[in-house]
PDB file of N, CA and C in Angstrom:
ATOM      1  N   MET A   1    -115.807  29.269   2.217  1.00  0.00           N
ATOM      2  CA  MET A   1    -115.236  27.984   2.552  1.00  0.00           C
ATOM      3  C   MET A   1    -116.381  27.020   2.880  1.00  0.00           C
ATOM      4  N   GLU A   2    -116.209  25.787   2.466  1.00  0.00           N
ATOM      5  CA  GLU A   2    -117.198  24.760   2.741  1.00  0.00           C
ATOM      6  C   GLU A   2    -117.397  24.636   4.253  1.00  0.00           C
ATOM      7  N   LYS A   3    -118.656  24.463   4.665  1.00  0.00           N
ATOM      8  CA  LYS A   3    -118.962  24.473   6.092  1.00  0.00           C
ATOM      9  C   LYS A   3    -118.220  23.368   6.846  1.00  0.00           C
ATOM     10  N   ILE A   4    -118.165  22.175   6.302  1.00  0.00           N
ATOM     11  CA  ILE A   4    -117.498  21.069   6.995  1.00  0.00           C
ATOM     12  C   ILE A   4    -116.014  21.373   7.174  1.00  0.00           C
ATOM     13  N   ALA A   5    -115.397  21.927   6.140  1.00  0.00           N
ATOM     14  CA  ALA A   5    -113.975  22.285   6.237  1.00  0.00           C
ATOM     15  C   ALA A   5    -113.777  23.392   7.271  1.00  0.00           C
ATOM     16  N   GLN A   6    -114.681  24.359   7.278  1.00  0.00           N
ATOM     17  CA  GLN A   6    -114.593  25.445   8.256  1.00  0.00           C
ATOM     18  C   GLN A   6    -114.735  24.897   9.677  1.00  0.00           C
ATOM     19  N   MET A   7    -115.690  24.014   9.874  1.00  0.00           N
ATOM     20  CA  MET A   7    -115.895  23.436  11.203  1.00  0.00           C
ATOM     21  C   MET A   7    -114.681  22.608  11.635  1.00  0.00           C
ATOM     22  N   ALA A   8    -114.072  21.905  10.697  1.00  0.00           N
ATOM     23  CA  ALA A   8    -112.883  21.109  11.014  1.00  0.00           C
ATOM     24  C   ALA A   8    -111.732  22.019  11.454  1.00  0.00           C
ATOM     25  N   LEU A   9    -111.546  23.127  10.747  1.00  0.00           N
ATOM     26  CA  LEU A   9    -110.491  24.071  11.135  1.00  0.00           C
ATOM     27  C   LEU A   9    -110.787  24.687  12.500  1.00  0.00           C
ATOM     28  N   LEU A  10    -112.032  25.058  12.720  1.00  0.00           N
ATOM     29  CA  LEU A  10    -112.392  25.631  14.020  1.00  0.00           C
ATOM     30  C   LEU A  10    -112.107  24.638  15.141  1.00  0.00           C
ATOM     31  N   ALA A  11    -112.466  23.382  14.921  1.00  0.00           N
ATOM     32  CA  ALA A  11    -112.223  22.358  15.936  1.00  0.00           C
ATOM     33  C   ALA A  11    -110.726  22.120  16.133  1.00  0.00           C
ATOM     34  N   ASP A  12    -109.959  22.173  15.048  1.00  0.00           N
ATOM     35  CA  ASP A  12    -108.503  22.006  15.164  1.00  0.00           C
ATOM     36  C   ASP A  12    -107.889  23.105  16.021  1.00  0.00           C
ATOM     37  N   PHE A  13    -108.342  24.316  15.812  1.00  0.00           N
ATOM     38  CA  PHE A  13    -107.754  25.450  16.518  1.00  0.00           C
ATOM     39  C   PHE A  13    -108.296  25.607  17.940  1.00  0.00           C
ATOM     40  N   TYR A  14    -109.609  25.453  18.091  1.00  0.00           N
ATOM     41  CA  TYR A  14    -110.239  25.769  19.367  1.00  0.00           C
ATOM     42  C   TYR A  14    -110.765  24.544  20.123  1.00  0.00           C
ATOM     43  N   GLY A  15    -110.620  23.366  19.565  1.00  0.00           N
ATOM     44  CA  GLY A  15    -111.116  22.152  20.202  1.00  0.00           C
ATOM     45  C   GLY A  15    -110.638  21.963  21.638  1.00  0.00           C
ATOM     46  N   PRO A  16    -109.362  22.248  21.916  1.00  0.00           N
ATOM     47  CA  PRO A  16    -108.894  22.082  23.298  1.00  0.00           C
ATOM     48  C   PRO A  16    -109.621  22.979  24.303  1.00  0.00           C
ATOM     49  N   LEU A  17    -110.303  24.008  23.827  1.00  0.00           N
ATOM     50  CA  LEU A  17    -111.024  24.902  24.731  1.00  0.00           C
ATOM     51  C   LEU A  17    -112.428  24.391  25.054  1.00  0.00           C
ATOM     52  N   LEU A  18    -112.868  23.349  24.353  1.00  0.00           N
ATOM     53  CA  LEU A  18    -114.188  22.779  24.590  1.00  0.00           C
ATOM     54  C   LEU A  18    -114.147  21.825  25.780  1.00  0.00           C
ATOM     55  N   THR A  19    -115.326  21.543  26.302  1.00  0.00           N
ATOM     56  CA  THR A  19    -115.401  20.533  27.360  1.00  0.00           C
ATOM     57  C   THR A  19    -115.210  19.158  26.732  1.00  0.00           C
ATOM     58  N   GLU A  20    -114.925  18.178  27.567  1.00  0.00           N
ATOM     59  CA  GLU A  20    -114.734  16.814  27.067  1.00  0.00           C
ATOM     60  C   GLU A  20    -116.005  16.315  26.382  1.00  0.00           C
ATOM     61  N   LYS A  21    -117.142  16.621  26.953  1.00  0.00           N
ATOM     62  CA  LYS A  21    -118.421  16.188  26.378  1.00  0.00           C
ATOM     63  C   LYS A  21    -118.639  16.819  24.991  1.00  0.00           C
ATOM     64  N   GLN A  22    -118.317  18.092  24.868  1.00  0.00           N
ATOM     65  CA  GLN A  22    -118.448  18.784  23.580  1.00  0.00           C
ATOM     66  C   GLN A  22    -117.485  18.188  22.556  1.00  0.00           C
ATOM     67  N   ARG A  23    -116.236  17.967  22.962  1.00  0.00           N
ATOM     68  CA  ARG A  23    -115.242  17.392  22.048  1.00  0.00           C
ATOM     69  C   ARG A  23    -115.661  15.998  21.589  1.00  0.00           C
ATOM     70  N   ASP A  24    -116.152  15.197  22.528  1.00  0.00           N
ATOM     71  CA  ASP A  24    -116.564  13.834  22.184  1.00  0.00           C
ATOM     72  C   ASP A  24    -117.702  13.833  21.175  1.00  0.00           C
ATOM     73  N   ALA A  25    -118.730  14.626  21.422  1.00  0.00           N
ATOM     74  CA  ALA A  25    -119.868  14.696  20.502  1.00  0.00           C
ATOM     75  C   ALA A  25    -119.427  15.229  19.145  1.00  0.00           C
ATOM     76  N   TRP A  26    -118.565  16.228  19.161  1.00  0.00           N
ATOM     77  CA  TRP A  26    -118.059  16.827  17.921  1.00  0.00           C
ATOM     78  C   TRP A  26    -117.292  15.790  17.105  1.00  0.00           C
ATOM     79  N   ASP A  27    -116.432  15.052  17.799  1.00  0.00           N
ATOM     80  CA  ASP A  27    -115.637  14.024  17.140  1.00  0.00           C
ATOM     81  C   ASP A  27    -116.540  12.934  16.547  1.00  0.00           C
ATOM     82  N   LEU A  28    -117.494  12.476  17.319  1.00  0.00           N
ATOM     83  CA  LEU A  28    -118.388  11.418  16.833  1.00  0.00           C
ATOM     84  C   LEU A  28    -119.174  11.867  15.608  1.00  0.00           C
ATOM     85  N   HIS A  29    -119.621  13.106  15.607  1.00  0.00           N
ATOM     86  CA  HIS A  29    -120.454  13.585  14.498  1.00  0.00           C
ATOM     87  C   HIS A  29    -119.634  13.993  13.269  1.00  0.00           C
ATOM     88  N   PHE A  30    -118.608  14.816  13.477  1.00  0.00           N
ATOM     89  CA  PHE A  30    -117.888  15.383  12.332  1.00  0.00           C
ATOM     90  C   PHE A  30    -116.693  14.545  11.888  1.00  0.00           C
ATOM     91  N   GLU A  31    -116.047  13.867  12.814  1.00  0.00           N
ATOM     92  CA  GLU A  31    -114.877  13.076  12.439  1.00  0.00           C
ATOM     93  C   GLU A  31    -115.238  11.629  12.106  1.00  0.00           C
ATOM     94  N   GLN A  32    -116.147  11.047  12.901  1.00  0.00           N
ATOM     95  CA  GLN A  32    -116.510   9.646  12.697  1.00  0.00           C
ATOM     96  C   GLN A  32    -117.819   9.488  11.928  1.00  0.00           C
ATOM     97  N   ASP A  33    -118.455  10.621  11.607  1.00  0.00           N
ATOM     98  CA  ASP A  33    -119.653  10.651  10.756  1.00  0.00           C
ATOM     99  C   ASP A  33    -120.824   9.844  11.318  1.00  0.00           C
ATOM    100  N   LEU A  34    -120.997   9.868  12.632  1.00  0.00           N
ATOM    101  CA  LEU A  34    -122.146   9.209  13.238  1.00  0.00           C
ATOM    102  C   LEU A  34    -123.354  10.142  13.179  1.00  0.00           C
ATOM    103  N   SER A  35    -124.512   9.568  13.045  1.00  0.00           N
ATOM    104  CA  SER A  35    -125.744  10.353  13.034  1.00  0.00           C
ATOM    105  C   SER A  35    -126.059  10.812  14.454  1.00  0.00           C
ATOM    106  N   LEU A  36    -127.005  11.735  14.566  1.00  0.00           N
ATOM    107  CA  LEU A  36    -127.411  12.206  15.886  1.00  0.00           C
ATOM    108  C   LEU A  36    -127.980  11.060  16.718  1.00  0.00           C
ATOM    109  N   ALA A  37    -128.754  10.201  16.074  1.00  0.00           N
ATOM    110  CA  ALA A  37    -129.341   9.052  16.779  1.00  0.00           C
ATOM    111  C   ALA A  37    -128.255   8.100  17.271  1.00  0.00           C
ATOM    112  N   GLU A  38    -127.234   7.878  16.455  1.00  0.00           N
ATOM    113  CA  GLU A  38    -126.137   6.988  16.858  1.00  0.00           C
ATOM    114  C   GLU A  38    -125.358   7.573  18.034  1.00  0.00           C
ATOM    115  N   ILE A  39    -125.129   8.874  17.980  1.00  0.00           N
ATOM    116  CA  ILE A  39    -124.420   9.538  19.083  1.00  0.00           C
ATOM    117  C   ILE A  39    -125.259   9.475  20.350  1.00  0.00           C
ATOM    118  N   ALA A  40    -126.557   9.700  20.213  1.00  0.00           N
ATOM    119  CA  ALA A  40    -127.463   9.641  21.368  1.00  0.00           C
ATOM    120  C   ALA A  40    -127.409   8.266  22.021  1.00  0.00           C
ATOM    121  N   GLU A  41    -127.329   7.246  21.201  1.00  0.00           N
ATOM    122  CA  GLU A  41    -127.247   5.884  21.730  1.00  0.00           C
ATOM    123  C   GLU A  41    -125.934   5.672  22.486  1.00  0.00           C
ATOM    124  N   VAL A  42    -124.837   6.135  21.893  1.00  0.00           N
ATOM    125  CA  VAL A  42    -123.521   5.996  22.535  1.00  0.00           C
ATOM    126  C   VAL A  42    -123.484   6.767  23.853  1.00  0.00           C
ATOM    127  N   GLU A  43    -124.009   7.972  23.833  1.00  0.00           N
ATOM    128  CA  GLU A  43    -123.958   8.850  24.999  1.00  0.00           C
ATOM    129  C   GLU A  43    -125.107   8.612  25.984  1.00  0.00           C
ATOM    130  N   LYS A  44    -126.026   7.737  25.610  1.00  0.00           N
ATOM    131  CA  LYS A  44    -127.187   7.418  26.448  1.00  0.00           C
ATOM    132  C   LYS A  44    -127.996   8.672  26.786  1.00  0.00           C
ATOM    133  N   THR A  45    -128.342   9.372  25.727  1.00  0.00           N
ATOM    134  CA  THR A  45    -129.140  10.592  25.851  1.00  0.00           C
ATOM    135  C   THR A  45    -130.091  10.661  24.668  1.00  0.00           C
ATOM    136  N   SER A  46    -130.811  11.755  24.534  1.00  0.00           N
ATOM    137  CA  SER A  46    -131.760  11.882  23.425  1.00  0.00           C
ATOM    138  C   SER A  46    -131.087  12.493  22.195  1.00  0.00           C
ATOM    139  N   ARG A  47    -131.702  12.250  21.057  1.00  0.00           N
ATOM    140  CA  ARG A  47    -131.228  12.831  19.799  1.00  0.00           C
ATOM    141  C   ARG A  47    -131.269  14.353  19.890  1.00  0.00           C
ATOM    142  N   GLN A  48    -132.326  14.885  20.499  1.00  0.00           N
ATOM    143  CA  GLN A  48    -132.480  16.334  20.639  1.00  0.00           C
ATOM    144  C   GLN A  48    -131.361  16.916  21.505  1.00  0.00           C
ATOM    145  N   ALA A  49    -130.982  16.207  22.559  1.00  0.00           N
ATOM    146  CA  ALA A  49    -129.895  16.693  23.423  1.00  0.00           C
ATOM    147  C   ALA A  49    -128.576  16.757  22.648  1.00  0.00           C
ATOM    148  N   VAL A  50    -128.334  15.746  21.809  1.00  0.00           N
ATOM    149  CA  VAL A  50    -127.120  15.736  20.986  1.00  0.00           C
ATOM    150  C   VAL A  50    -127.162  16.896  19.995  1.00  0.00           C
ATOM    151  N   HIS A  51    -128.304  17.097  19.360  1.00  0.00           N
ATOM    152  CA  HIS A  51    -128.462  18.204  18.409  1.00  0.00           C
ATOM    153  C   HIS A  51    -128.167  19.535  19.093  1.00  0.00           C
ATOM    154  N   ASP A  52    -128.775  19.742  20.270  1.00  0.00           N
ATOM    155  CA  ASP A  52    -128.561  20.993  21.007  1.00  0.00           C
ATOM    156  C   ASP A  52    -127.088  21.174  21.391  1.00  0.00           C
ATOM    157  N   LEU A  53    -126.459  20.081  21.824  1.00  0.00           N
ATOM    158  CA  LEU A  53    -125.047  20.141  22.206  1.00  0.00           C
ATOM    159  C   LEU A  53    -124.170  20.521  21.011  1.00  0.00           C
ATOM    160  N   LEU A  54    -124.425  19.919  19.863  1.00  0.00           N
ATOM    161  CA  LEU A  54    -123.630  20.224  18.665  1.00  0.00           C
ATOM    162  C   LEU A  54    -123.849  21.660  18.206  1.00  0.00           C
ATOM    163  N   LYS A  55    -125.092  22.130  18.245  1.00  0.00           N
ATOM    164  CA  LYS A  55    -125.365  23.521  17.849  1.00  0.00           C
ATOM    165  C   LYS A  55    -124.692  24.501  18.803  1.00  0.00           C
ATOM    166  N   ARG A  56    -124.769  24.210  20.095  1.00  0.00           N
ATOM    167  CA  ARG A  56    -124.130  25.069  21.093  1.00  0.00           C
ATOM    168  C   ARG A  56    -122.611  25.061  20.899  1.00  0.00           C
ATOM    169  N   THR A  57    -122.060  23.899  20.626  1.00  0.00           N
ATOM    170  CA  THR A  57    -120.615  23.788  20.400  1.00  0.00           C
ATOM    171  C   THR A  57    -120.201  24.566  19.159  1.00  0.00           C
ATOM    172  N   GLU A  58    -120.987  24.451  18.098  1.00  0.00           N
ATOM    173  CA  GLU A  58    -120.696  25.213  16.879  1.00  0.00           C
ATOM    174  C   GLU A  58    -120.711  26.708  17.167  1.00  0.00           C
ATOM    175  N   ARG A  59    -121.697  27.152  17.922  1.00  0.00           N
ATOM    176  CA  ARG A  59    -121.800  28.579  18.257  1.00  0.00           C
ATOM    177  C   ARG A  59    -120.583  29.019  19.075  1.00  0.00           C
ATOM    178  N   ILE A  60    -120.154  28.170  20.011  1.00  0.00           N
ATOM    179  CA  ILE A  60    -118.985  28.487  20.833  1.00  0.00           C
ATOM    180  C   ILE A  60    -117.731  28.610  19.968  1.00  0.00           C
ATOM    181  N   LEU A  61    -117.549  27.665  19.046  1.00  0.00           N
ATOM    182  CA  LEU A  61    -116.375  27.704  18.164  1.00  0.00           C
ATOM    183  C   LEU A  61    -116.382  28.963  17.297  1.00  0.00           C
ATOM    184  N   LEU A  62    -117.541  29.310  16.772  1.00  0.00           N
ATOM    185  CA  LEU A  62    -117.657  30.523  15.953  1.00  0.00           C
ATOM    186  C   LEU A  62    -117.370  31.780  16.782  1.00  0.00           C
ATOM    187  N   GLU A  63    -117.797  31.788  18.030  1.00  0.00           N
ATOM    188  CA  GLU A  63    -117.518  32.938  18.903  1.00  0.00           C
ATOM    189  C   GLU A  63    -116.019  33.054  19.190  1.00  0.00           C
ATOM    190  N   TYR A  64    -115.356  31.915  19.414  1.00  0.00           N
ATOM    191  CA  TYR A  64    -113.906  31.961  19.601  1.00  0.00           C
ATOM    192  C   TYR A  64    -113.228  32.557  18.371  1.00  0.00           C
ATOM    193  N   GLU A  65    -113.663  32.108  17.198  1.00  0.00           N
ATOM    194  CA  GLU A  65    -113.050  32.618  15.969  1.00  0.00           C
ATOM    195  C   GLU A  65    -113.329  34.104  15.798  1.00  0.00           C
ATOM    196  N   GLU A  66    -114.544  34.519  16.128  1.00  0.00           N
ATOM    197  CA  GLU A  66    -114.889  35.939  16.010  1.00  0.00           C
ATOM    198  C   GLU A  66    -114.006  36.789  16.912  1.00  0.00           C
ATOM    199  N   LYS A  67    -113.717  36.292  18.102  1.00  0.00           N
ATOM    200  CA  LYS A  67    -112.914  37.055  19.059  1.00  0.00           C
ATOM    201  C   LYS A  67    -111.419  36.960  18.783  1.00  0.00           C
ATOM    202  N   LEU A  68    -110.949  35.765  18.405  1.00  0.00           N
ATOM    203  CA  LEU A  68    -109.512  35.548  18.271  1.00  0.00           C
ATOM    204  C   LEU A  68    -108.999  35.578  16.830  1.00  0.00           C
ATOM    205  N   GLY A  69    -109.818  35.137  15.884  1.00  0.00           N
ATOM    206  CA  GLY A  69    -109.462  35.199  14.475  1.00  0.00           C
ATOM    207  C   GLY A  69    -108.297  34.323  14.054  1.00  0.00           C
ATOM    208  N   LEU A  70    -108.009  33.260  14.773  1.00  0.00           N
ATOM    209  CA  LEU A  70    -106.843  32.436  14.459  1.00  0.00           C
ATOM    210  C   LEU A  70    -106.994  31.671  13.144  1.00  0.00           C
ATOM    211  N   VAL A  71    -108.182  31.191  12.858  1.00  0.00           N
ATOM    212  CA  VAL A  71    -108.389  30.431  11.624  1.00  0.00           C
ATOM    213  C   VAL A  71    -108.228  31.347  10.413  1.00  0.00           C
ATOM    214  N   GLN A  72    -108.836  32.519  10.471  1.00  0.00           N
ATOM    215  CA  GLN A  72    -108.720  33.451   9.343  1.00  0.00           C
ATOM    216  C   GLN A  72    -107.269  33.889   9.148  1.00  0.00           C
ATOM    217  N   ARG A  73    -106.572  34.102  10.241  1.00  0.00           N
ATOM    218  CA  ARG A  73    -105.157  34.473  10.150  1.00  0.00           C
ATOM    219  C   ARG A  73    -104.345  33.341   9.514  1.00  0.00           C
ATOM    220  N   PHE A  74    -104.629  32.104   9.923  1.00  0.00           N
ATOM    221  CA  PHE A  74    -103.963  30.943   9.343  1.00  0.00           C
ATOM    222  C   PHE A  74    -104.210  30.875   7.837  1.00  0.00           C
ATOM    223  N   ILE A  75    -105.458  31.045   7.427  1.00  0.00           N
ATOM    224  CA  ILE A  75    -105.819  30.989   6.000  1.00  0.00           C
ATOM    225  C   ILE A  75    -105.098  32.090   5.229  1.00  0.00           C
ATOM    226  N   ASN A  76    -105.107  33.305   5.764  1.00  0.00           N
ATOM    227  CA  ASN A  76    -104.448  34.429   5.095  1.00  0.00           C
ATOM    228  C   ASN A  76    -102.941  34.201   4.951  1.00  0.00           C
ATOM    229  N   GLU A  77    -102.322  33.724   6.021  1.00  0.00           N
ATOM    230  CA  GLU A  77    -100.875  33.500   5.977  1.00  0.00           C
ATOM    231  C   GLU A  77    -100.526  32.363   5.024  1.00  0.00           C
ATOM    232  N   ARG A  78    -101.345  31.333   5.007  1.00  0.00           N
ATOM    233  CA  ARG A  78    -101.096  30.221   4.087  1.00  0.00           C
ATOM    234  C   ARG A  78    -101.191  30.695   2.634  1.00  0.00           C
ATOM    235  N   GLU A  79    -102.197  31.525   2.331  1.00  0.00           N
ATOM    236  CA  GLU A  79    -102.334  32.056   0.972  1.00  0.00           C
ATOM    237  C   GLU A  79    -101.119  32.891   0.584  1.00  0.00           C
ATOM    238  N   LYS A  80    -100.630  33.697   1.505  1.00  0.00           N
ATOM    239  CA  LYS A  80     -99.439  34.509   1.222  1.00  0.00           C
ATOM    240  C   LYS A  80     -98.218  33.627   0.971  1.00  0.00           C
ATOM    241  N   LEU A  81     -98.073  32.580   1.790  1.00  0.00           N
ATOM    242  CA  LEU A  81     -96.937  31.679   1.603  1.00  0.00           C
ATOM    243  C   LEU A  81     -97.026  30.940   0.267  1.00  0.00           C
ATOM    244  N   LEU A  82     -98.223  30.543  -0.121  1.00  0.00           N
ATOM    245  CA  LEU A  82     -98.389  29.891  -1.422  1.00  0.00           C
ATOM    246  C   LEU A  82     -98.039  30.842  -2.558  1.00  0.00           C
ATOM    247  N   GLU A  83     -98.428  32.098  -2.419  1.00  0.00           N
ATOM    248  CA  GLU A  83     -98.101  33.106  -3.436  1.00  0.00           C
ATOM    249  C   GLU A  83     -96.590  33.322  -3.511  1.00  0.00           C
ATOM    250  N   ILE A  84     -95.938  33.385  -2.364  1.00  0.00           N
ATOM    251  CA  ILE A  84     -94.477  33.523  -2.343  1.00  0.00           C
ATOM    252  C   ILE A  84     -93.830  32.323  -3.016  1.00  0.00           C
ATOM    253  N   GLY A  85     -94.363  31.140  -2.739  1.00  0.00           N
ATOM    254  CA  GLY A  85     -93.840  29.921  -3.366  1.00  0.00           C
ATOM    255  C   GLY A  85     -93.949  29.976  -4.877  1.00  0.00           C
ATOM    256  N   GLU A  86     -95.066  30.472  -5.380  1.00  0.00           N
ATOM    257  CA  GLU A  86     -95.251  30.604  -6.829  1.00  0.00           C
ATOM    258  C   GLU A  86     -94.257  31.596  -7.415  1.00  0.00           C
ATOM    259  N   LEU A  87     -94.050  32.706  -6.705  1.00  0.00           N
ATOM    260  CA  LEU A  87     -93.087  33.702  -7.175  1.00  0.00           C
ATOM    261  C   LEU A  87     -91.668  33.125  -7.190  1.00  0.00           C
ATOM    262  N   LEU A  88     -91.308  32.405  -6.153  1.00  0.00           N
ATOM    263  CA  LEU A  88     -89.977  31.800  -6.103  1.00  0.00           C
ATOM    264  C   LEU A  88     -89.801  30.738  -7.178  1.00  0.00           C
ATOM    265  N   ALA A  89     -90.866  30.006  -7.460  1.00  0.00           N
ATOM    266  CA  ALA A  89     -90.787  28.960  -8.482  1.00  0.00           C
ATOM    267  C   ALA A  89     -90.552  29.552  -9.873  1.00  0.00           C
ATOM    268  N   ALA A  90     -90.989  30.792 -10.068  1.00  0.00           N
ATOM    269  CA  ALA A  90     -90.824  31.434 -11.372  1.00  0.00           C
ATOM    270  C   ALA A  90     -89.405  31.956 -11.591  1.00  0.00           C
ATOM    271  N   VAL A  91     -88.630  32.086 -10.522  1.00  0.00           N
ATOM    272  CA  VAL A  91     -87.261  32.574 -10.639  1.00  0.00           C
ATOM    273  C   VAL A  91     -86.401  31.467 -11.247  1.00  0.00           C
ATOM    274  N   GLN A  92     -85.581  31.863 -12.214  1.00  0.00           N
ATOM    275  CA  GLN A  92     -84.731  30.895 -12.905  1.00  0.00           C
ATOM    276  C   GLN A  92     -83.264  31.177 -12.617  1.00  0.00           C
ATOM    277  N   GLU A  93     -82.437  30.188 -12.880  1.00  0.00           N
ATOM    278  CA  GLU A  93     -81.003  30.313 -12.621  1.00  0.00           C
ATOM    279  C   GLU A  93     -80.406  31.492 -13.390  1.00  0.00           C
ATOM    280  N   LYS A  94     -80.886  31.732 -14.583  1.00  0.00           N
ATOM    281  CA  LYS A  94     -80.332  32.832 -15.391  1.00  0.00           C
ATOM    282  C   LYS A  94     -80.631  34.205 -14.796  1.00  0.00           C
ATOM    283  N   ASP A  95     -81.560  34.270 -13.828  1.00  0.00           N
ATOM    284  CA  ASP A  95     -81.892  35.537 -13.172  1.00  0.00           C
ATOM    285  C   ASP A  95     -80.806  35.976 -12.185  1.00  0.00           C
ATOM    286  N   PHE A  96     -79.825  35.107 -11.921  1.00  0.00           N
ATOM    287  CA  PHE A  96     -78.792  35.396 -10.935  1.00  0.00           C
ATOM    288  C   PHE A  96     -77.438  35.577 -11.608  1.00  0.00           C
ATOM    289  N   ALA A  97     -76.812  36.692 -11.321  1.00  0.00           N
ATOM    290  CA  ALA A  97     -75.461  36.935 -11.825  1.00  0.00           C
ATOM    291  C   ALA A  97     -74.437  36.341 -10.862  1.00  0.00           C
ATOM    292  N   ASN A  98     -74.825  36.217  -9.623  1.00  0.00           N
ATOM    293  CA  ASN A  98     -73.916  35.746  -8.583  1.00  0.00           C
ATOM    294  C   ASN A  98     -74.374  34.359  -8.107  1.00  0.00           C
ATOM    295  N   PRO A  99     -73.492  33.367  -8.127  1.00  0.00           N
ATOM    296  CA  PRO A  99     -73.860  32.023  -7.658  1.00  0.00           C
ATOM    297  C   PRO A  99     -74.331  32.006  -6.195  1.00  0.00           C
ATOM    298  N   ALA A 100     -73.806  32.909  -5.379  1.00  0.00           N
ATOM    299  CA  ALA A 100     -74.224  32.975  -3.973  1.00  0.00           C
ATOM    300  C   ALA A 100     -75.695  33.398  -3.876  1.00  0.00           C
ATOM    301  N   GLY A 101     -76.131  34.283  -4.766  1.00  0.00           N
ATOM    302  CA  GLY A 101     -77.529  34.699  -4.800  1.00  0.00           C
ATOM    303  C   GLY A 101     -78.447  33.536  -5.150  1.00  0.00           C
ATOM    304  N   LEU A 102     -78.027  32.735  -6.107  1.00  0.00           N
ATOM    305  CA  LEU A 102     -78.798  31.549  -6.486  1.00  0.00           C
ATOM    306  C   LEU A 102     -78.895  30.586  -5.303  1.00  0.00           C
ATOM    307  N   LYS A 103     -77.792  30.400  -4.603  1.00  0.00           N
ATOM    308  CA  LYS A 103     -77.780  29.486  -3.450  1.00  0.00           C
ATOM    309  C   LYS A 103     -78.749  29.980  -2.369  1.00  0.00           C
ATOM    310  N   ARG A 104     -78.742  31.285  -2.083  1.00  0.00           N
ATOM    311  CA  ARG A 104     -79.669  31.846  -1.095  1.00  0.00           C
ATOM    312  C   ARG A 104     -81.110  31.637  -1.530  1.00  0.00           C
ATOM    313  N   HIS A 105     -81.370  31.856  -2.815  1.00  0.00           N
ATOM    314  CA  HIS A 105     -82.722  31.636  -3.359  1.00  0.00           C
ATOM    315  C   HIS A 105     -83.156  30.187  -3.138  1.00  0.00           C
ATOM    316  N   GLN A 106     -82.265  29.253  -3.410  1.00  0.00           N
ATOM    317  CA  GLN A 106     -82.601  27.834  -3.254  1.00  0.00           C
ATOM    318  C   GLN A 106     -82.875  27.489  -1.793  1.00  0.00           C
ATOM    319  N   LEU A 107     -82.108  28.072  -0.878  1.00  0.00           N
ATOM    320  CA  LEU A 107     -82.327  27.835   0.550  1.00  0.00           C
ATOM    321  C   LEU A 107     -83.668  28.401   1.011  1.00  0.00           C
ATOM    322  N   ILE A 108     -83.978  29.603   0.558  1.00  0.00           N
ATOM    323  CA  ILE A 108     -85.259  30.229   0.903  1.00  0.00           C
ATOM    324  C   ILE A 108     -86.412  29.374   0.380  1.00  0.00           C
ATOM    325  N   ARG A 109     -86.284  28.943  -0.841  1.00  0.00           N
ATOM    326  CA  ARG A 109     -87.338  28.129  -1.447  1.00  0.00           C
ATOM    327  C   ARG A 109     -87.516  26.806  -0.696  1.00  0.00           C
ATOM    328  N   ALA A 110     -86.431  26.182  -0.298  1.00  0.00           N
ATOM    329  CA  ALA A 110     -86.499  24.916   0.444  1.00  0.00           C
ATOM    330  C   ALA A 110     -87.164  25.115   1.808  1.00  0.00           C
ATOM    331  N   LYS A 111     -86.817  26.199   2.497  1.00  0.00           N
ATOM    332  CA  LYS A 111     -87.428  26.473   3.797  1.00  0.00           C
ATOM    333  C   LYS A 111     -88.922  26.760   3.653  1.00  0.00           C
ATOM    334  N   LEU A 112     -89.306  27.490   2.616  1.00  0.00           N
ATOM    335  CA  LEU A 112     -90.716  27.769   2.376  1.00  0.00           C
ATOM    336  C   LEU A 112     -91.482  26.480   2.099  1.00  0.00           C
ATOM    337  N   GLU A 113     -90.895  25.598   1.322  1.00  0.00           N
ATOM    338  CA  GLU A 113     -91.541  24.313   1.033  1.00  0.00           C
ATOM    339  C   GLU A 113     -91.712  23.494   2.307  1.00  0.00           C
ATOM    340  N   ASP A 114     -90.737  23.563   3.209  1.00  0.00           N
ATOM    341  CA  ASP A 114     -90.849  22.879   4.507  1.00  0.00           C
ATOM    342  C   ASP A 114     -92.027  23.433   5.311  1.00  0.00           C
ATOM    343  N   ILE A 115     -92.137  24.745   5.343  1.00  0.00           N
ATOM    344  CA  ILE A 115     -93.235  25.391   6.084  1.00  0.00           C
ATOM    345  C   ILE A 115     -94.581  24.968   5.498  1.00  0.00           C
ATOM    346  N   LEU A 116     -94.696  25.006   4.171  1.00  0.00           N
ATOM    347  CA  LEU A 116     -95.962  24.656   3.529  1.00  0.00           C
ATOM    348  C   LEU A 116     -96.324  23.187   3.762  1.00  0.00           C
ATOM    349  N   GLN A 117     -95.336  22.314   3.831  1.00  0.00           N
ATOM    350  CA  GLN A 117     -95.598  20.901   4.119  1.00  0.00           C
ATOM    351  C   GLN A 117     -96.164  20.717   5.515  1.00  0.00           C
ATOM    352  N   GLU A 118     -95.695  21.535   6.455  1.00  0.00           N
ATOM    353  CA  GLU A 118     -96.140  21.416   7.842  1.00  0.00           C
ATOM    354  C   GLU A 118     -97.558  21.950   8.034  1.00  0.00           C
ATOM    355  N   LEU A 119     -97.995  22.840   7.140  1.00  0.00           N
ATOM    356  CA  LEU A 119     -99.348  23.400   7.279  1.00  0.00           C
ATOM    357  C   LEU A 119    -100.303  22.366   6.854  1.00  0.00           C
TER     358      LEU A 119
END
């Protein structure tokens, strides 16, 4: 996975566990695309301090993922749901002898699409 995308997912899942200072620096750098020098100016600190803070924050997020595995679980479950969606999409009306079976299939497919939209 691309590093920026991975970092965004880690921040989405574990961001609330960071300190306010860590979240702010993370947001300024990764979400608002400010340089280290720009963040240092905003935070009234040195560029090196911002760099160290971001590296430490990245390490903390990676440690949370290593211990809890929520991002990997999310990715795995999303892939499974997408695969189920593809399988359901391949089912055709002629595959059902009973109209009630077709109706259940359509309901399942609609609920799966709702779940995938929310992810």
